[in-house]
Protein backbone atom coordinates (compact mmCIF):
# COMPACT_ATOMS: atom_id res chain seq x y z
CA MET A 1 141.16 139.72 119.41
CA ILE A 2 139.57 138.28 122.51
CA GLN A 3 136.23 138.32 120.54
CA VAL A 4 137.75 136.49 117.39
CA VAL A 5 138.92 133.91 120.09
CA PRO A 6 135.65 132.18 120.72
CA PHE A 7 134.39 132.20 117.09
CA LEU A 8 137.82 130.39 116.01
CA VAL A 9 136.67 127.69 118.60
CA CYS A 10 133.17 127.28 117.10
CA LEU A 11 134.32 127.30 113.76
CA LEU A 12 136.64 124.15 114.77
CA VAL A 13 134.09 122.44 116.69
CA ALA A 14 131.77 122.51 113.36
CA LEU A 15 134.74 121.65 111.39
CA SER A 16 135.50 118.50 113.71
CA GLY A 17 132.07 117.94 113.86
CA PHE A 18 131.30 117.67 109.86
CA ALA A 19 134.66 115.80 109.63
CA GLN A 20 133.41 113.17 112.06
CA LYS A 21 130.27 113.04 110.18
CA THR A 22 131.76 112.59 106.90
CA LYS A 23 134.61 110.30 107.82
CA THR A 24 132.66 107.97 109.81
CA PRO A 25 131.26 104.91 108.26
CA PRO A 26 127.31 104.75 108.82
CA ASN A 27 125.24 102.16 110.26
CA ILE A 28 123.50 100.65 107.37
CA ILE A 29 120.32 98.68 107.05
CA LEU A 30 119.24 97.16 104.16
CA ILE A 31 115.31 96.34 103.97
CA LEU A 32 114.44 93.53 100.74
CA ALA A 33 110.91 93.03 99.94
CA ASP A 34 109.83 89.85 98.31
CA ASP A 35 108.23 90.35 95.10
CA LEU A 36 107.20 93.87 95.30
CA GLY A 37 106.15 95.71 92.29
CA TRP A 38 107.35 98.94 91.08
CA SER A 39 104.11 100.69 91.18
CA GLU A 40 103.07 99.54 94.30
CA LEU A 41 104.40 101.97 96.71
CA GLY A 42 102.55 105.77 97.04
CA CYS A 43 105.61 107.69 96.66
CA TYR A 44 105.99 105.17 92.89
CA GLY A 45 102.64 106.66 92.11
CA ASN A 46 100.06 103.87 93.48
CA ARG A 47 97.95 104.20 91.39
CA ASN A 48 98.77 106.18 88.51
CA ASP A 49 95.25 106.22 87.05
CA GLY A 50 92.89 107.31 90.37
CA PRO A 51 93.35 107.42 94.17
CA ARG A 52 95.94 105.46 95.76
CA PHE A 53 94.62 102.36 97.32
CA ASN A 54 98.01 100.67 98.89
CA GLU A 55 98.93 102.71 102.23
CA THR A 56 102.92 103.51 102.53
CA PRO A 57 103.39 106.43 104.64
CA ASN A 58 106.35 105.64 105.98
CA LEU A 59 108.21 104.49 102.99
CA ASP A 60 106.74 107.50 101.17
CA ARG A 61 108.43 109.83 103.89
CA LEU A 62 111.78 107.86 103.91
CA ALA A 63 111.74 108.56 99.84
CA ALA A 64 110.80 112.27 100.56
CA ASN A 65 113.99 112.74 103.25
CA GLY A 66 116.22 110.94 100.87
CA MET A 67 116.70 109.83 97.08
CA ARG A 68 114.32 108.17 95.25
CA PHE A 69 115.45 106.04 92.03
CA THR A 70 112.75 105.88 88.71
CA GLN A 71 115.38 103.29 87.12
CA ALA A 72 116.35 100.28 89.65
CA TYR A 73 116.61 97.17 88.45
CA ALA A 74 116.57 93.80 89.68
CA THR A 75 119.39 91.72 88.69
CA ALA A 76 117.06 88.87 88.07
CA PRO A 77 113.12 88.36 87.19
CA VAL A 78 113.10 85.79 90.04
CA CYS A 79 114.48 85.86 93.75
CA THR A 80 117.62 83.69 94.12
CA PRO A 81 119.86 85.17 91.39
CA THR A 82 119.08 88.90 92.52
CA ARG A 83 119.82 87.79 95.97
CA ILE A 84 122.86 86.33 94.70
CA ALA A 85 123.90 89.96 93.16
CA LEU A 86 123.12 91.36 96.36
CA MET A 87 125.20 89.14 98.68
CA THR A 88 128.80 88.76 96.53
CA GLY A 89 128.29 91.98 94.05
CA GLN A 90 128.87 89.73 91.10
CA HIS A 91 126.27 88.86 88.38
CA PRO A 92 124.43 85.15 88.93
CA ALA A 93 125.61 84.24 85.52
CA ARG A 94 128.78 84.27 86.40
CA VAL A 95 128.36 82.78 89.73
CA GLY A 96 126.06 80.44 87.59
CA ILE A 97 122.97 80.30 89.82
CA THR A 98 120.08 82.52 87.46
CA ASP A 99 116.93 80.54 88.52
CA TYR A 100 115.52 80.59 91.98
CA LEU A 101 116.63 77.32 94.12
CA ASP A 102 114.17 74.55 95.38
CA ALA A 103 114.02 72.90 98.30
CA LYS A 104 116.34 70.28 97.48
CA ASP A 105 118.33 71.96 95.01
CA GLU A 106 122.01 70.75 94.78
CA LYS A 107 123.05 74.30 94.08
CA PHE A 108 123.62 76.98 96.91
CA LEU A 109 125.78 80.09 97.25
CA SER A 110 129.19 78.49 97.88
CA PRO A 111 130.41 80.14 101.16
CA ASP A 112 133.70 80.31 99.04
CA TYR A 113 132.01 83.45 98.45
CA VAL A 114 132.81 86.61 100.40
CA THR A 115 129.61 88.25 101.05
CA ILE A 116 128.43 91.80 101.96
CA ASN A 117 128.42 91.02 105.52
CA GLU A 118 131.97 89.70 105.62
CA GLN A 119 133.32 92.57 103.34
CA LEU A 120 132.08 94.69 106.02
CA LYS A 121 133.40 93.10 108.91
CA LYS A 122 136.82 94.23 107.95
CA ALA A 123 135.44 98.08 108.79
CA GLY A 124 134.43 96.81 112.49
CA TYR A 125 130.79 96.33 111.72
CA HIS A 126 128.29 94.18 113.65
CA SER A 127 126.25 92.27 111.01
CA GLY A 128 122.59 90.67 111.28
CA LEU A 129 120.11 88.58 109.03
CA ILE A 130 116.87 88.79 109.90
CA GLY A 131 114.42 86.97 107.74
CA LYS A 132 114.35 85.22 104.18
CA TRP A 133 117.91 83.90 102.68
CA HIS A 134 117.23 81.51 100.07
CA LEU A 135 120.43 80.56 99.07
CA THR A 136 121.01 77.31 101.12
CA GLY A 137 120.32 74.81 98.40
CA ASP A 138 119.00 71.72 99.81
CA TYR A 139 117.90 72.32 103.44
CA LYS A 140 118.66 68.69 104.44
CA LYS A 141 122.28 69.38 103.24
CA LYS A 142 122.50 73.17 104.57
CA LYS A 143 125.86 73.67 102.23
CA GLY A 144 124.82 77.43 101.37
CA GLU A 145 123.24 78.36 104.71
CA PRO A 146 123.76 81.90 106.22
CA ALA A 147 125.68 80.42 109.63
CA LYS A 148 128.28 79.50 106.77
CA HIS A 149 128.53 82.97 105.44
CA GLY A 150 129.58 84.82 108.35
CA TRP A 151 126.73 86.79 109.57
CA ASP A 152 127.11 87.44 113.77
CA GLU A 153 123.29 86.93 114.20
CA VAL A 154 121.10 85.02 112.07
CA ILE A 155 117.22 85.74 113.31
CA CYS A 156 114.10 83.71 111.86
CA SER A 157 115.66 82.80 108.71
CA GLU A 158 114.15 79.55 107.36
CA THR A 159 115.24 76.13 107.81
CA GLY A 160 112.85 75.01 105.44
CA TYR A 161 111.52 75.55 102.18
CA ILE A 162 109.15 78.56 102.02
CA ALA A 163 107.33 78.44 98.35
CA ASN A 164 103.66 79.01 99.46
CA GLY A 165 103.92 81.55 102.19
CA ASP A 166 103.49 80.81 105.62
CA TYR A 167 102.90 84.21 107.74
CA VAL A 168 101.16 83.26 111.09
CA HIS A 169 102.72 81.32 113.99
CA PRO A 170 103.72 78.28 113.82
CA TYR A 171 105.67 78.81 110.67
CA PHE A 172 106.53 75.31 109.29
CA PHE A 173 109.43 76.75 107.58
CA MET A 174 111.08 77.52 111.36
CA PRO A 175 109.92 74.99 113.85
CA ASP A 176 112.37 75.93 116.16
CA VAL A 177 110.89 80.08 116.21
CA GLN A 178 108.39 80.14 119.25
CA ALA A 179 106.05 82.61 119.05
CA ARG A 180 106.32 86.28 121.04
CA THR A 181 102.24 86.92 120.97
CA GLU A 182 99.75 84.67 120.66
CA GLY A 183 98.93 84.77 116.77
CA GLU A 184 102.25 86.58 115.83
CA TYR A 185 102.24 87.73 112.48
CA LEU A 186 105.66 86.84 110.60
CA THR A 187 106.76 90.59 109.14
CA ASP A 188 105.71 92.12 112.36
CA ARG A 189 107.92 89.29 114.30
CA LEU A 190 110.64 90.35 111.68
CA ASN A 191 109.90 94.41 112.36
CA GLN A 192 110.54 93.50 115.85
CA GLU A 193 113.05 91.68 115.61
CA ALA A 194 114.88 94.62 113.81
CA VAL A 195 114.28 96.77 116.57
CA ASP A 196 115.91 94.75 119.00
CA PHE A 197 118.84 94.46 116.94
CA ILE A 198 119.30 98.08 116.82
CA ASN A 199 118.91 98.37 120.60
CA ARG A 200 121.32 95.76 121.45
CA ASN A 201 124.18 97.01 118.57
CA GLN A 202 123.42 100.90 119.23
CA LYS A 203 126.81 101.58 120.42
CA ARG A 204 128.94 99.96 117.37
CA PRO A 205 128.28 100.31 113.49
CA PHE A 206 126.26 97.63 112.41
CA PHE A 207 124.90 96.13 109.30
CA LEU A 208 121.18 94.61 109.28
CA TYR A 209 119.92 93.08 106.62
CA LEU A 210 116.18 92.75 107.04
CA SER A 211 114.74 90.46 104.37
CA HIS A 212 111.14 90.04 104.36
CA TYR A 213 109.17 86.79 103.12
CA ALA A 214 106.08 89.15 102.13
CA VAL A 215 104.53 90.20 99.97
CA HIS A 216 105.59 86.71 97.94
CA THR A 217 102.42 85.03 97.51
CA LYS A 218 100.33 83.16 98.38
CA LEU A 219 98.80 86.50 99.95
CA ALA A 220 97.77 86.57 103.38
CA GLY A 221 97.38 89.93 105.29
CA LYS A 222 96.46 90.35 109.15
CA PRO A 223 92.68 90.00 108.49
CA GLU A 224 91.91 93.71 110.63
CA ASP A 225 94.37 94.93 107.99
CA VAL A 226 92.74 93.05 105.04
CA ALA A 227 89.11 94.22 106.46
CA LYS A 228 89.66 97.87 105.97
CA TYR A 229 91.27 98.16 102.55
CA ARG A 230 88.24 95.83 101.77
CA GLN A 231 86.28 98.87 102.57
CA LYS A 232 88.13 101.20 100.21
CA ALA A 233 87.04 102.49 96.92
CA GLY A 234 87.98 100.74 94.09
CA VAL A 235 89.09 97.42 96.04
CA ASP A 236 89.48 94.20 93.66
CA THR A 237 90.24 95.83 90.55
CA LYS A 238 93.88 94.50 89.34
CA GLN A 239 96.19 96.37 91.22
CA ASN A 240 93.86 97.11 94.18
CA ASN A 241 94.40 93.76 96.31
CA PRO A 242 93.33 94.29 100.16
CA GLU A 243 95.42 91.21 100.65
CA LEU A 244 98.91 92.30 99.29
CA ALA A 245 97.95 96.17 100.41
CA ALA A 246 97.65 94.98 104.13
CA MET A 247 100.96 92.86 103.72
CA LEU A 248 102.58 95.98 102.14
CA GLU A 249 101.23 97.73 105.38
CA ARG A 250 102.90 95.70 107.52
CA ILE A 251 106.32 96.34 105.81
CA ASP A 252 105.74 100.12 105.90
CA ASP A 253 105.25 100.00 109.20
CA GLY A 254 108.24 98.37 110.39
CA VAL A 255 109.67 101.02 108.37
CA GLY A 256 108.24 103.28 110.88
CA LYS A 257 109.34 101.78 114.15
CA ILE A 258 112.91 101.52 112.62
CA ILE A 259 113.31 104.74 112.00
CA ALA A 260 111.89 105.74 115.21
CA THR A 261 114.22 103.77 116.93
CA LEU A 262 117.11 105.27 115.37
CA THR A 263 115.68 108.76 116.35
CA GLU A 264 115.14 107.57 119.70
CA LEU A 265 118.92 106.22 120.21
CA GLY A 266 120.26 109.37 118.08
CA LEU A 267 121.33 107.17 115.10
CA LYS A 268 119.18 108.50 112.91
CA ASP A 269 121.72 110.94 111.20
CA ASN A 270 124.37 108.48 110.99
CA THR A 271 122.27 105.45 109.77
CA LEU A 272 121.98 104.75 106.46
CA ILE A 273 118.71 103.08 105.06
CA LEU A 274 117.98 101.41 101.53
CA PHE A 275 114.83 99.87 100.62
CA THR A 276 114.50 97.90 97.50
CA SER A 277 112.93 94.31 96.43
CA ASP A 278 113.93 90.99 94.55
CA ASN A 279 111.89 91.32 91.43
CA GLY A 280 108.33 92.19 89.77
CA GLY A 281 105.05 91.81 90.97
CA GLU A 282 103.27 88.57 90.48
CA LEU A 283 100.65 88.89 87.54
CA ASN A 284 97.78 86.66 89.65
CA VAL A 285 97.68 89.03 92.19
CA THR A 286 98.65 92.55 91.24
CA SER A 287 99.62 94.61 88.01
CA ASN A 288 103.24 96.68 87.37
CA ALA A 289 101.19 99.22 84.94
CA PRO A 290 102.22 100.98 83.57
CA LEU A 291 105.08 98.76 83.02
CA ARG A 292 104.51 95.36 81.12
CA GLY A 293 104.63 91.87 82.53
CA GLY A 294 105.92 90.44 85.97
CA LYS A 295 108.14 88.11 87.78
CA SER A 296 109.84 85.89 85.70
CA GLU A 297 109.65 88.06 82.48
CA LEU A 298 112.22 90.25 81.46
CA PHE A 299 109.99 92.82 80.59
CA GLU A 300 110.25 95.91 82.96
CA GLY A 301 107.91 94.75 85.16
CA GLY A 302 109.72 91.61 85.98
CA ILE A 303 113.05 93.52 86.97
CA ARG A 304 112.25 97.34 87.52
CA GLU A 305 112.09 97.87 91.40
CA PRO A 306 111.85 100.53 93.88
CA LEU A 307 114.45 101.78 95.18
CA ILE A 308 114.85 104.60 98.23
CA VAL A 309 118.29 105.56 100.09
CA SER A 310 118.48 107.64 102.77
CA TRP A 311 120.99 109.20 104.98
CA PRO A 312 120.04 112.67 106.42
CA GLY A 313 122.91 115.35 105.88
CA VAL A 314 124.37 113.41 103.31
CA ILE A 315 121.62 112.15 100.68
CA PRO A 316 120.06 115.15 99.45
CA THR A 317 116.36 116.01 100.81
CA GLY A 318 113.49 114.51 98.49
CA ALA A 319 115.88 113.81 95.62
CA VAL A 320 114.19 112.12 92.54
CA SER A 321 117.13 109.89 90.40
CA THR A 322 116.88 108.78 86.56
CA GLN A 323 120.34 107.01 87.06
CA VAL A 324 120.01 103.31 85.53
CA VAL A 325 121.31 101.23 88.49
CA ASN A 326 121.13 97.55 89.38
CA THR A 327 120.76 95.37 92.39
CA LEU A 328 124.89 94.35 91.95
CA ASP A 329 125.66 98.13 92.22
CA ILE A 330 124.74 97.94 96.10
CA TYR A 331 127.87 95.90 97.05
CA PRO A 332 130.10 98.61 95.86
CA THR A 333 128.51 101.13 96.92
CA LEU A 334 128.62 99.73 100.46
CA LEU A 335 132.29 98.82 100.36
CA GLU A 336 133.06 102.59 98.88
CA LEU A 337 130.90 104.06 102.25
CA ALA A 338 133.05 101.98 104.28
CA SER A 339 136.30 102.37 102.74
CA ILE A 340 136.71 98.47 102.24
CA LYS A 341 138.97 97.36 98.97
CA PRO A 342 137.01 94.46 97.28
CA ALA A 343 138.49 90.90 97.19
CA LYS A 344 141.36 90.49 94.55
CA ASP A 345 140.17 86.90 93.79
CA GLN A 346 136.31 88.28 93.23
CA PRO A 347 135.34 90.08 90.80
CA VAL A 348 132.41 93.00 91.40
CA ASP A 349 130.14 93.48 88.21
CA GLY A 350 128.18 96.92 89.68
CA ILE A 351 129.35 100.31 90.09
CA SER A 352 129.48 102.25 93.20
CA ILE A 353 126.68 104.76 93.26
CA VAL A 354 127.77 106.99 95.99
CA SER A 355 128.68 109.93 93.69
CA VAL A 356 124.90 110.03 92.74
CA LEU A 357 123.47 109.42 96.25
CA LYS A 358 125.93 112.35 97.01
CA GLY A 359 124.50 114.16 94.46
CA SER A 360 127.52 115.18 92.92
CA SER A 361 126.91 112.91 89.97
CA ALA A 362 124.40 113.74 86.95
CA PRO A 363 123.27 110.46 85.72
CA PHE A 364 125.54 108.68 83.27
CA SER A 365 124.91 105.96 80.50
CA ARG A 366 125.60 102.69 81.27
CA THR A 367 124.72 98.87 80.16
CA LEU A 368 123.26 96.62 81.93
CA TYR A 369 122.85 92.88 81.06
CA TRP A 370 120.06 90.03 82.39
CA HIS A 371 120.64 86.36 81.90
CA TYR A 372 117.81 83.87 82.32
CA PRO A 373 118.14 80.40 81.05
CA LEU A 374 115.34 77.91 81.82
CA PRO A 375 114.65 74.26 80.66
CA LYS A 376 110.81 75.14 80.42
CA PRO A 377 108.78 78.07 80.96
CA HIS A 378 108.65 79.65 84.29
CA PHE A 379 105.08 78.55 85.76
CA LEU A 380 104.35 82.14 86.17
CA GLY A 381 104.70 82.74 81.92
CA GLY A 382 108.52 83.61 82.12
CA ARG A 383 110.11 82.22 78.93
CA SER A 384 113.61 81.25 78.77
CA ALA A 385 115.78 84.65 77.91
CA GLY A 386 118.75 87.02 78.13
CA ALA A 387 118.13 90.66 77.55
CA ILE A 388 120.54 94.43 77.28
CA ARG A 389 119.60 97.90 78.22
CA ILE A 390 121.92 100.74 76.91
CA GLY A 391 121.09 104.22 77.13
CA ASP A 392 117.05 103.80 76.48
CA LEU A 393 117.16 100.97 74.38
CA LYS A 394 116.48 97.49 75.40
CA LEU A 395 116.71 94.10 73.75
CA ILE A 396 115.13 91.07 74.49
CA ASP A 397 116.75 87.68 72.96
CA TYR A 398 114.72 84.84 73.57
CA PHE A 399 116.64 81.08 73.81
CA ASP A 400 113.64 79.33 73.08
CA ASN A 401 112.25 80.17 69.81
CA GLY A 402 115.15 83.12 68.42
CA GLN A 403 112.80 85.65 68.49
CA ILE A 404 114.25 89.10 69.37
CA GLN A 405 112.12 92.22 70.56
CA LEU A 406 113.77 95.97 71.06
CA PHE A 407 112.20 98.95 72.52
CA ASN A 408 113.14 102.35 73.28
CA LEU A 409 111.83 102.46 77.17
CA ALA A 410 112.08 106.57 76.99
CA GLU A 411 109.25 106.46 74.25
CA ASP A 412 107.49 103.51 75.84
CA PRO A 413 107.94 102.43 78.84
CA GLY A 414 105.30 99.95 78.45
CA GLU A 415 107.14 97.95 75.64
CA GLN A 416 104.42 97.72 73.67
CA MET A 417 106.53 98.87 70.41
CA ASP A 418 108.81 96.48 69.13
CA LEU A 419 111.19 98.27 67.17
CA SER A 420 113.57 95.17 65.91
CA GLU A 421 112.50 95.34 62.48
CA LYS A 422 112.41 99.46 62.34
CA LEU A 423 115.81 99.59 63.70
CA PRO A 424 118.26 96.89 62.19
CA ALA A 425 121.33 98.71 62.76
CA GLN A 426 120.69 98.90 66.60
CA ARG A 427 119.43 95.41 66.70
CA THR A 428 122.29 93.77 65.35
CA GLN A 429 124.65 95.69 67.52
CA LEU A 430 122.73 94.83 70.81
CA VAL A 431 122.62 90.84 69.80
CA ALA A 432 126.07 91.00 69.61
CA GLN A 433 126.71 93.04 72.54
CA LEU A 434 124.55 90.63 74.45
CA ARG A 435 126.04 87.67 72.76
CA GLU A 436 129.36 88.45 73.40
CA TRP A 437 128.97 89.64 77.15
CA ARG A 438 127.02 86.00 77.93
CA ARG A 439 130.01 83.94 76.03
CA LYS A 440 132.55 85.58 78.35
CA THR A 441 130.34 85.50 81.55
CA ALA A 442 127.56 83.40 81.57
CA VAL A 443 128.86 79.74 83.60
CA ASP A 444 126.72 76.58 82.35
CA PHE A 445 126.68 74.32 85.35
CA SER A 446 123.62 72.05 83.41
CA ALA A 447 125.98 69.36 82.58
CA THR A 448 126.92 69.07 86.81
CA THR A 449 125.08 68.43 89.84
CA ASN A 450 127.60 70.28 91.67
CA SER A 451 127.19 73.60 93.14
CA PRO A 452 129.22 76.58 91.30
CA VAL A 453 132.09 77.38 93.52
CA LYS A 454 134.12 80.61 93.06
CA PRO A 455 136.51 80.56 90.16
């Protein structure tokens, strides 16, 4: 009996530790890249037909230590609506913002919406936004600026429009930001701010949204990084862009610094890290091959994204999930992890994927919708359209000329074989379902200059 007591004590201590680990909500770090195509990261096969050009060792390691999704989607083929989905858990069609916001746009994300940081505050999270927001609308009126959305800290976020890119201090879209180093590079600054945020808040639960302005065009890597990539084999072919590779390396470097900081502070095992992007890569500067198309298009190249999620000890190591997921799912997933219920008057369109992350759920079938109405073609070539995916079938419904395209993504991920004439029954069913969803969900604010407000 005397020998049994120490064993029981050890067992109770171990069980107590396990219970603590499973019940304590994790710190959350959400890292969002801008315009990063599905196949740019090493762990996503960059590139598929030869030696890898881009160098992303830290993101590859994050994937190796967590879960990598192969069928993750942005909610839209352009920036703002995907960020709407991320912040509200609602489809941008329901919110009424389905295209990117211009510099003097009358639309903005109304502070009436309960954003994810405001939800997490209910569970005691301290929140910080570092970097791109792009939900403000008119930057002089500031009706949708992040300060009105309950962030505890807003750091290096734009107060002016940044459509054409700006990556070296002084930043014209953030005139109040002072440089810390001579020739400061924006992505490095955001990474350092993220490390500082973690250090400042290490003793309390935190939610950090690190939203990079890179790799969005115009491309401008650090000269020393660009010079390195210009020496690599295969440089300047379609997907081997030295400027883009250099900008991506800065993002990857920041991921490494964040993980090193978490490890040093003993926070790594209780921190959930998510990495994804807002839409596909621009075809002017890269290729999303083997996927078709790019930013502004509803082909896979415009909407399929890398998604990596890591939480040591909870998410299986080295897992690869074929589950179809969407940006919309991040909001309800984080709510479930923090044991927070959605706001009663704000419907959530995504679904929690906690069971998938924990490896306890096999991939399940679901339906995804996209809504991208345009008064004229996007300057990158995208057309006014909507889309639906059910199982492996995906249908695109063009609003400009009534064209319908139907693809089987399992057999044809590059969307080269239009099956709309060969599969008339499926075409009819998907068109009807998409249009019915659009009738019930999409809000048309074209007749008013007022920004949408929460219904």
